PDB file of N, CA and C in Angstrom:
ATOM      1  N   MET A   1      75.755  25.040   1.730  1.00  0.00           N
ATOM      2  CA  MET A   1      76.934  24.336   1.870  1.00  0.00           C
ATOM      3  C   MET A   1      78.018  25.432   0.633  1.00  0.00           C
ATOM      4  N   GLU A   2      77.569  24.650  -0.538  1.00  0.00           N
ATOM      5  CA  GLU A   2      78.254  25.386  -1.210  1.00  0.00           C
ATOM      6  C   GLU A   2      78.463  27.145  -1.213  1.00  0.00           C
ATOM      7  N   ARG A   3      77.945  27.356  -0.546  1.00  0.00           N
ATOM      8  CA  ARG A   3      78.611  29.176  -0.190  1.00  0.00           C
ATOM      9  C   ARG A   3      79.409  29.211   1.074  1.00  0.00           C
ATOM     10  N   PHE A   4      78.843  28.404   1.805  1.00  0.00           N
ATOM     11  CA  PHE A   4      80.067  28.196   2.805  1.00  0.00           C
ATOM     12  C   PHE A   4      81.775  27.518   2.537  1.00  0.00           C
ATOM     13  N   VAL A   5      81.567  26.929   1.612  1.00  0.00           N
ATOM     14  CA  VAL A   5      82.986  26.165   1.280  1.00  0.00           C
ATOM     15  C   VAL A   5      83.676  26.878   0.344  1.00  0.00           C
ATOM     16  N   ASP A   6      82.808  27.669  -0.540  1.00  0.00           N
ATOM     17  CA  ASP A   6      83.131  28.651  -1.534  1.00  0.00           C
ATOM     18  C   ASP A   6      83.394  27.318  -2.895  1.00  0.00           C
ATOM     19  N   HIS A   7      83.562  26.417  -3.216  1.00  0.00           N
ATOM     20  CA  HIS A   7      83.396  25.599  -4.006  1.00  0.00           C
ATOM     21  C   HIS A   7      81.862  24.379  -4.226  1.00  0.00           C
ATOM     22  N   PRO A   8      82.093  23.632  -5.382  1.00  0.00           N
ATOM     23  CA  PRO A   8      80.511  22.776  -5.332  1.00  0.00           C
ATOM     24  C   PRO A   8      80.948  21.779  -4.435  1.00  0.00           C
ATOM     25  N   VAL A   9      80.166  21.416  -3.488  1.00  0.00           N
ATOM     26  CA  VAL A   9      79.801  20.026  -2.994  1.00  0.00           C
ATOM     27  C   VAL A   9      79.760  18.888  -3.547  1.00  0.00           C
ATOM     28  N   LYS A  10      79.597  17.804  -3.533  1.00  0.00           N
ATOM     29  CA  LYS A  10      79.109  16.376  -3.848  1.00  0.00           C
ATOM     30  C   LYS A  10      78.511  15.835  -2.886  1.00  0.00           C
ATOM     31  N   LEU A  11      76.991  15.609  -3.477  1.00  0.00           N
ATOM     32  CA  LEU A  11      76.160  14.990  -2.166  1.00  0.00           C
ATOM     33  C   LEU A  11      75.817  13.462  -3.091  1.00  0.00           C
ATOM     34  N   ILE A  12      75.985  12.524  -1.931  1.00  0.00           N
ATOM     35  CA  ILE A  12      75.379  11.287  -2.325  1.00  0.00           C
ATOM     36  C   ILE A  12      74.517  10.699  -0.888  1.00  0.00           C
ATOM     37  N   GLY A  13      73.713   9.611  -1.127  1.00  0.00           N
ATOM     38  CA  GLY A  13      73.084   9.211  -0.444  1.00  0.00           C
ATOM     39  C   GLY A  13      73.364   7.627  -0.320  1.00  0.00           C
ATOM     40  N   ILE A  14      73.246   6.991   1.198  1.00  0.00           N
ATOM     41  CA  ILE A  14      73.293   5.500   1.141  1.00  0.00           C
ATOM     42  C   ILE A  14      72.021   5.045   2.010  1.00  0.00           C
ATOM     43  N   PHE A  15      71.575   4.025   1.932  1.00  0.00           N
ATOM     44  CA  PHE A  15      70.325   3.748   2.147  1.00  0.00           C
ATOM     45  C   PHE A  15      70.566   2.447   2.233  1.00  0.00           C
ATOM     46  N   LEU A  16      69.435   1.945   3.615  1.00  0.00           N
ATOM     47  CA  LEU A  16      68.952   0.271   3.836  1.00  0.00           C
ATOM     48  C   LEU A  16      68.183   0.304   3.525  1.00  0.00           C
ATOM     49  N   ASN A  17      67.386  -0.781   2.532  1.00  0.00           N
ATOM     50  CA  ASN A  17      66.158  -0.645   2.101  1.00  0.00           C
ATOM     51  C   ASN A  17      65.270  -1.106   2.960  1.00  0.00           C
ATOM     52  N   ASP A  18      64.205  -0.307   3.885  1.00  0.00           N
ATOM     53  CA  ASP A  18      63.068  -0.466   4.458  1.00  0.00           C
ATOM     54  C   ASP A  18      61.997  -1.296   3.547  1.00  0.00           C
ATOM     55  N   VAL A  19      61.655  -2.205   5.072  1.00  0.00           N
ATOM     56  CA  VAL A  19      60.456  -3.191   4.572  1.00  0.00           C
ATOM     57  C   VAL A  19      59.458  -2.842   6.034  1.00  0.00           C
ATOM     58  N   GLN A  20      58.595  -3.646   5.299  1.00  0.00           N
ATOM     59  CA  GLN A  20      57.143  -3.538   6.247  1.00  0.00           C
ATOM     60  C   GLN A  20      56.619  -5.257   6.034  1.00  0.00           C
ATOM     61  N   ARG A  21      56.714  -5.910   7.233  1.00  0.00           N
ATOM     62  CA  ARG A  21      56.116  -7.433   7.039  1.00  0.00           C
ATOM     63  C   ARG A  21      54.441  -7.047   7.215  1.00  0.00           C
ATOM     64  N   LYS A  22      53.948  -7.911   6.286  1.00  0.00           N
ATOM     65  CA  LYS A  22      52.381  -7.993   5.576  1.00  0.00           C
ATOM     66  C   LYS A  22      51.712  -9.265   6.469  1.00  0.00           C
ATOM     67  N   GLU A  23      52.054  -9.823   7.933  1.00  0.00           N
ATOM     68  CA  GLU A  23      51.451 -10.081   8.477  1.00  0.00           C
ATOM     69  C   GLU A  23      52.188 -11.432   8.272  1.00  0.00           C
ATOM     70  N   ASN A  24      51.250 -12.734   7.750  1.00  0.00           N
ATOM     71  CA  ASN A  24      51.851 -13.786   6.774  1.00  0.00           C
ATOM     72  C   ASN A  24      51.817 -14.094   5.490  1.00  0.00           C
ATOM     73  N   LYS A  25      52.053 -12.474   4.818  1.00  0.00           N
ATOM     74  CA  LYS A  25      51.405 -12.595   3.645  1.00  0.00           C
ATOM     75  C   LYS A  25      52.751 -12.185   2.823  1.00  0.00           C
ATOM     76  N   GLY A  26      53.930 -11.578   3.419  1.00  0.00           N
ATOM     77  CA  GLY A  26      54.694 -11.314   2.491  1.00  0.00           C
ATOM     78  C   GLY A  26      55.463 -10.168   2.778  1.00  0.00           C
ATOM     79  N   ILE A  27      56.076  -9.193   2.181  1.00  0.00           N
ATOM     80  CA  ILE A  27      56.909  -8.122   2.294  1.00  0.00           C
ATOM     81  C   ILE A  27      56.329  -6.567   1.763  1.00  0.00           C
ATOM     82  N   SER A  28      56.120  -5.560   1.955  1.00  0.00           N
ATOM     83  CA  SER A  28      55.745  -4.687   0.919  1.00  0.00           C
ATOM     84  C   SER A  28      56.729  -3.809   1.385  1.00  0.00           C
ATOM     85  N   TYR A  29      57.685  -3.395   0.453  1.00  0.00           N
ATOM     86  CA  TYR A  29      58.915  -2.486  -0.014  1.00  0.00           C
ATOM     87  C   TYR A  29      58.161  -0.892   0.333  1.00  0.00           C
ATOM     88  N   THR A  30      58.803  -0.031   1.126  1.00  0.00           N
ATOM     89  CA  THR A  30      58.535   1.194   1.494  1.00  0.00           C
ATOM     90  C   THR A  30      59.308   2.447   0.359  1.00  0.00           C
ATOM     91  N   PHE A  31      60.072   1.762  -0.728  1.00  0.00           N
ATOM     92  CA  PHE A  31      60.044   2.767  -2.065  1.00  0.00           C
ATOM     93  C   PHE A  31      59.392   3.127  -2.102  1.00  0.00           C
ATOM     94  N   VAL A  32      59.279   4.340  -2.374  1.00  0.00           N
ATOM     95  CA  VAL A  32      58.049   5.398  -3.462  1.00  0.00           C
ATOM     96  C   VAL A  32      58.826   5.731  -4.776  1.00  0.00           C
ATOM     97  N   SER A  33      58.871   5.521  -6.007  1.00  0.00           N
ATOM     98  CA  SER A  33      59.414   5.895  -6.566  1.00  0.00           C
ATOM     99  C   SER A  33      58.698   7.542  -6.683  1.00  0.00           C
ATOM    100  N   GLY A  34      58.037   7.964  -6.908  1.00  0.00           N
ATOM    101  CA  GLY A  34      57.425   9.186  -7.475  1.00  0.00           C
ATOM    102  C   GLY A  34      58.227  10.227  -6.214  1.00  0.00           C
ATOM    103  N   LEU A  35      58.191   9.669  -5.147  1.00  0.00           N
ATOM    104  CA  LEU A  35      58.837  10.579  -3.680  1.00  0.00           C
ATOM    105  C   LEU A  35      60.360  10.775  -4.182  1.00  0.00           C
ATOM    106  N   PHE A  36      60.816   9.466  -4.416  1.00  0.00           N
ATOM    107  CA  PHE A  36      62.533   9.539  -4.239  1.00  0.00           C
ATOM    108  C   PHE A  36      62.867  10.393  -5.487  1.00  0.00           C
ATOM    109  N   MET A  37      62.324  10.458  -6.879  1.00  0.00           N
ATOM    110  CA  MET A  37      62.525  11.359  -7.979  1.00  0.00           C
ATOM    111  C   MET A  37      61.933  13.016  -6.791  1.00  0.00           C
ATOM    112  N   VAL A  38      61.305  13.395  -6.505  1.00  0.00           N
ATOM    113  CA  VAL A  38      61.270  14.459  -6.482  1.00  0.00           C
ATOM    114  C   VAL A  38      62.300  14.865  -4.993  1.00  0.00           C
ATOM    115  N   TYR A  39      62.530  14.063  -4.366  1.00  0.00           N
ATOM    116  CA  TYR A  39      63.339  14.348  -3.173  1.00  0.00           C
ATOM    117  C   TYR A  39      65.227  14.358  -4.089  1.00  0.00           C
ATOM    118  N   THR A  40      65.372  14.052  -5.149  1.00  0.00           N
ATOM    119  CA  THR A  40      66.780  13.727  -5.603  1.00  0.00           C
ATOM    120  C   THR A  40      66.828  14.190  -6.939  1.00  0.00           C
ATOM    121  N   LYS A  41      65.370  15.215  -7.115  1.00  0.00           N
ATOM    122  CA  LYS A  41      65.486  16.034  -8.166  1.00  0.00           C
ATOM    123  C   LYS A  41      65.711  17.314  -7.973  1.00  0.00           C
ATOM    124  N   PHE A  42      64.789  17.808  -7.016  1.00  0.00           N
ATOM    125  CA  PHE A  42      64.316  19.104  -6.838  1.00  0.00           C
ATOM    126  C   PHE A  42      64.680  19.418  -5.429  1.00  0.00           C
ATOM    127  N   LEU A  43      64.721  18.748  -4.517  1.00  0.00           N
ATOM    128  CA  LEU A  43      65.263  19.044  -2.987  1.00  0.00           C
ATOM    129  C   LEU A  43      66.465  19.033  -2.536  1.00  0.00           C
ATOM    130  N   THR A  44      67.122  18.344  -3.302  1.00  0.00           N
ATOM    131  CA  THR A  44      68.619  18.283  -3.640  1.00  0.00           C
ATOM    132  C   THR A  44      69.305  17.311  -4.833  1.00  0.00           C
ATOM    133  N   LYS A  45      70.452  17.918  -5.265  1.00  0.00           N
ATOM    134  CA  LYS A  45      70.279  16.797  -6.131  1.00  0.00           C
ATOM    135  C   LYS A  45      71.513  16.366  -5.918  1.00  0.00           C
ATOM    136  N   LEU A  46      71.517  15.079  -6.252  1.00  0.00           N
ATOM    137  CA  LEU A  46      72.746  14.123  -5.706  1.00  0.00           C
ATOM    138  C   LEU A  46      73.452  13.583  -6.974  1.00  0.00           C
ATOM    139  N   GLU A  47      74.428  13.450  -6.762  1.00  0.00           N
ATOM    140  CA  GLU A  47      75.400  12.724  -7.598  1.00  0.00           C
ATOM    141  C   GLU A  47      74.864  11.433  -7.550  1.00  0.00           C
ATOM    142  N   LYS A  48      74.485  10.661  -6.858  1.00  0.00           N
ATOM    143  CA  LYS A  48      74.475   9.098  -7.037  1.00  0.00           C
ATOM    144  C   LYS A  48      73.437   9.041  -5.311  1.00  0.00           C
ATOM    145  N   VAL A  49      72.670   7.799  -5.644  1.00  0.00           N
ATOM    146  CA  VAL A  49      72.275   7.085  -3.970  1.00  0.00           C
ATOM    147  C   VAL A  49      72.462   5.666  -4.217  1.00  0.00           C
ATOM    148  N   TYR A  50      73.245   5.083  -2.820  1.00  0.00           N
ATOM    149  CA  TYR A  50      73.257   3.910  -2.891  1.00  0.00           C
ATOM    150  C   TYR A  50      72.663   2.547  -1.563  1.00  0.00           C
ATOM    151  N   PHE A  51      72.252   2.081  -2.883  1.00  0.00           N
ATOM    152  CA  PHE A  51      71.616   1.119  -1.976  1.00  0.00           C
ATOM    153  C   PHE A  51      72.344  -0.408  -1.286  1.00  0.00           C
ATOM    154  N   VAL A  52      72.507  -0.201  -0.063  1.00  0.00           N
ATOM    155  CA  VAL A  52      72.936  -2.061   0.752  1.00  0.00           C
ATOM    156  C   VAL A  52      72.103  -2.913   0.384  1.00  0.00           C
ATOM    157  N   ASP A  53      71.018  -3.154   0.155  1.00  0.00           N
ATOM    158  CA  ASP A  53      70.208  -3.849  -0.232  1.00  0.00           C
ATOM    159  C   ASP A  53      68.668  -3.455  -1.343  1.00  0.00           C
ATOM    160  N   MET A  54      68.876  -3.779  -2.045  1.00  0.00           N
ATOM    161  CA  MET A  54      68.620  -2.367  -3.259  1.00  0.00           C
ATOM    162  C   MET A  54      66.998  -2.880  -3.438  1.00  0.00           C
ATOM    163  N   PRO A  55      65.662  -2.398  -3.680  1.00  0.00           N
ATOM    164  CA  PRO A  55      65.108  -2.965  -3.382  1.00  0.00           C
ATOM    165  C   PRO A  55      64.295  -2.703  -5.184  1.00  0.00           C
ATOM    166  N   PRO A  56      63.230  -4.045  -5.211  1.00  0.00           N
ATOM    167  CA  PRO A  56      63.064  -4.738  -6.592  1.00  0.00           C
ATOM    168  C   PRO A  56      63.344  -3.556  -7.837  1.00  0.00           C
ATOM    169  N   ILE A  57      62.071  -2.554  -7.708  1.00  0.00           N
ATOM    170  CA  ILE A  57      61.936  -1.145  -8.506  1.00  0.00           C
ATOM    171  C   ILE A  57      63.128  -0.535  -8.653  1.00  0.00           C
ATOM    172  N   SER A  58      63.742  -0.421  -7.870  1.00  0.00           N
ATOM    173  CA  SER A  58      65.210   0.845  -8.042  1.00  0.00           C
ATOM    174  C   SER A  58      66.222   0.166  -9.534  1.00  0.00           C
ATOM    175  N   ARG A  59      65.657  -1.473  -9.801  1.00  0.00           N
ATOM    176  CA  ARG A  59      66.763  -2.020 -10.718  1.00  0.00           C
ATOM    177  C   ARG A  59      66.526  -1.277 -12.030  1.00  0.00           C
ATOM    178  N   GLU A  60      65.037  -0.656 -11.852  1.00  0.00           N
ATOM    179  CA  GLU A  60      64.889  -0.485 -13.437  1.00  0.00           C
ATOM    180  C   GLU A  60      65.117   0.390 -14.217  1.00  0.00           C
ATOM    181  N   THR A  61      64.966   0.428 -15.376  1.00  0.00           N
ATOM    182  CA  THR A  61      66.643   1.493 -16.061  1.00  0.00           C
ATOM    183  C   THR A  61      66.218   2.885 -15.967  1.00  0.00           C
ATOM    184  N   GLN A  62      64.902   3.543 -15.373  1.00  0.00           N
ATOM    185  CA  GLN A  62      64.568   4.847 -15.206  1.00  0.00           C
ATOM    186  C   GLN A  62      65.557   5.147 -13.949  1.00  0.00           C
ATOM    187  N   TYR A  63      65.787   4.239 -12.751  1.00  0.00           N
ATOM    188  CA  TYR A  63      66.904   4.472 -12.038  1.00  0.00           C
ATOM    189  C   TYR A  63      68.028   4.486 -11.871  1.00  0.00           C
ATOM    190  N   GLU A  64      68.660   3.975 -13.387  1.00  0.00           N
ATOM    191  CA  GLU A  64      70.198   3.548 -13.658  1.00  0.00           C
ATOM    192  C   GLU A  64      71.177   4.506 -12.759  1.00  0.00           C
ATOM    193  N   GLU A  65      71.109   5.906 -14.092  1.00  0.00           N
ATOM    194  CA  GLU A  65      71.621   6.975 -13.335  1.00  0.00           C
ATOM    195  C   GLU A  65      71.761   7.281 -12.251  1.00  0.00           C
ATOM    196  N   ILE A  66      70.986   7.131 -11.650  1.00  0.00           N
ATOM    197  CA  ILE A  66      70.967   7.968  -9.507  1.00  0.00           C
ATOM    198  C   ILE A  66      71.542   6.689  -9.004  1.00  0.00           C
ATOM    199  N   ILE A  67      70.518   5.606  -9.359  1.00  0.00           N
ATOM    200  CA  ILE A  67      70.708   4.976  -7.963  1.00  0.00           C
ATOM    201  C   ILE A  67      71.320   3.073  -8.618  1.00  0.00           C
ATOM    202  N   ALA A  68      72.097   3.239  -7.490  1.00  0.00           N
ATOM    203  CA  ALA A  68      73.530   1.812  -7.599  1.00  0.00           C
ATOM    204  C   ALA A  68      73.464   0.788  -6.518  1.00  0.00           C
ATOM    205  N   PRO A  69      74.347  -0.107  -6.516  1.00  0.00           N
ATOM    206  CA  PRO A  69      74.185  -1.088  -5.676  1.00  0.00           C
ATOM    207  C   PRO A  69      75.876  -0.430  -4.424  1.00  0.00           C
ATOM    208  N   PHE A  70      75.806  -0.380  -2.954  1.00  0.00           N
ATOM    209  CA  PHE A  70      76.740   0.148  -2.106  1.00  0.00           C
ATOM    210  C   PHE A  70      77.709  -0.540  -2.532  1.00  0.00           C
ATOM    211  N   SER A  71      78.169  -2.063  -3.222  1.00  0.00           N
ATOM    212  CA  SER A  71      79.227  -2.096  -3.341  1.00  0.00           C
ATOM    213  C   SER A  71      79.891  -1.879  -4.506  1.00  0.00           C
ATOM    214  N   TYR A  72      78.809  -0.861  -5.191  1.00  0.00           N
ATOM    215  CA  TYR A  72      79.475  -0.055  -6.736  1.00  0.00           C
ATOM    216  C   TYR A  72      80.435   0.987  -6.219  1.00  0.00           C
ATOM    217  N   PHE A  73      79.437   1.906  -5.067  1.00  0.00           N
ATOM    218  CA  PHE A  73      80.441   2.821  -4.070  1.00  0.00           C
ATOM    219  C   PHE A  73      82.062   2.839  -3.673  1.00  0.00           C
ATOM    220  N   LEU A  74      81.895   1.458  -3.086  1.00  0.00           N
ATOM    221  CA  LEU A  74      82.857   1.111  -2.665  1.00  0.00           C
ATOM    222  C   LEU A  74      84.192   0.449  -3.918  1.00  0.00           C
ATOM    223  N   LEU A  75      83.525  -0.164  -4.737  1.00  0.00           N
ATOM    224  CA  LEU A  75      84.201  -0.163  -5.749  1.00  0.00           C
ATOM    225  C   LEU A  75      84.505   0.691  -6.888  1.00  0.00           C
ATOM    226  N   GLN A  76      83.441   1.401  -7.209  1.00  0.00           N
ATOM    227  CA  GLN A  76      84.153   2.347  -7.972  1.00  0.00           C
ATOM    228  C   GLN A  76      83.874   3.936  -7.664  1.00  0.00           C
ATOM    229  N   ASP A  77      83.084   3.871  -7.278  1.00  0.00           N
ATOM    230  CA  ASP A  77      82.605   5.803  -7.338  1.00  0.00           C
ATOM    231  C   ASP A  77      83.486   6.433  -5.839  1.00  0.00           C
ATOM    232  N   ALA A  78      83.537   5.636  -4.968  1.00  0.00           N
ATOM    233  CA  ALA A  78      84.330   6.227  -4.286  1.00  0.00           C
ATOM    234  C   ALA A  78      85.239   7.281  -4.290  1.00  0.00           C
ATOM    235  N   LYS A  79      86.576   6.446  -5.115  1.00  0.00           N
ATOM    236  CA  LYS A  79      87.677   7.102  -5.764  1.00  0.00           C
ATOM    237  C   LYS A  79      87.047   8.450  -6.809  1.00  0.00           C
ATOM    238  N   ARG A  80      86.703   8.195  -7.431  1.00  0.00           N
ATOM    239  CA  ARG A  80      86.410   9.261  -8.460  1.00  0.00           C
ATOM    240  C   ARG A  80      85.240  10.458  -7.429  1.00  0.00           C
ATOM    241  N   LEU A  81      84.819  10.176  -6.368  1.00  0.00           N
ATOM    242  CA  LEU A  81      84.094  11.659  -5.684  1.00  0.00           C
ATOM    243  C   LEU A  81      85.142  12.078  -5.186  1.00  0.00           C
ATOM    244  N   VAL A  82      85.714  11.673  -4.388  1.00  0.00           N
ATOM    245  CA  VAL A  82      86.843  12.475  -3.925  1.00  0.00           C
ATOM    246  C   VAL A  82      87.547  13.140  -3.993  1.00  0.00           C
ATOM    247  N   SER A  83      88.167  12.947  -5.633  1.00  0.00           N
ATOM    248  CA  SER A  83      88.730  13.272  -6.535  1.00  0.00           C
ATOM    249  C   SER A  83      88.812  14.659  -7.431  1.00  0.00           C
TER     250      SER A  83
END
């Protein structure tokens, strides 16, 4: 993409948290931390990832630089990313 437009491109991801129901025993979150880090660090470098409904594990400190709630994007980052 950068070669096509001849300037750096900022990439973000906006996700809905996917869950799987486990019979009557609750919810299983499909967020896999190891795969997430591989995707965001090695496949395509993302500026930030925003979740409309953040999975509980994504609130840990190791993700605070890359994961934020979607409301943060709307209220703070959208203007910064387009400038």
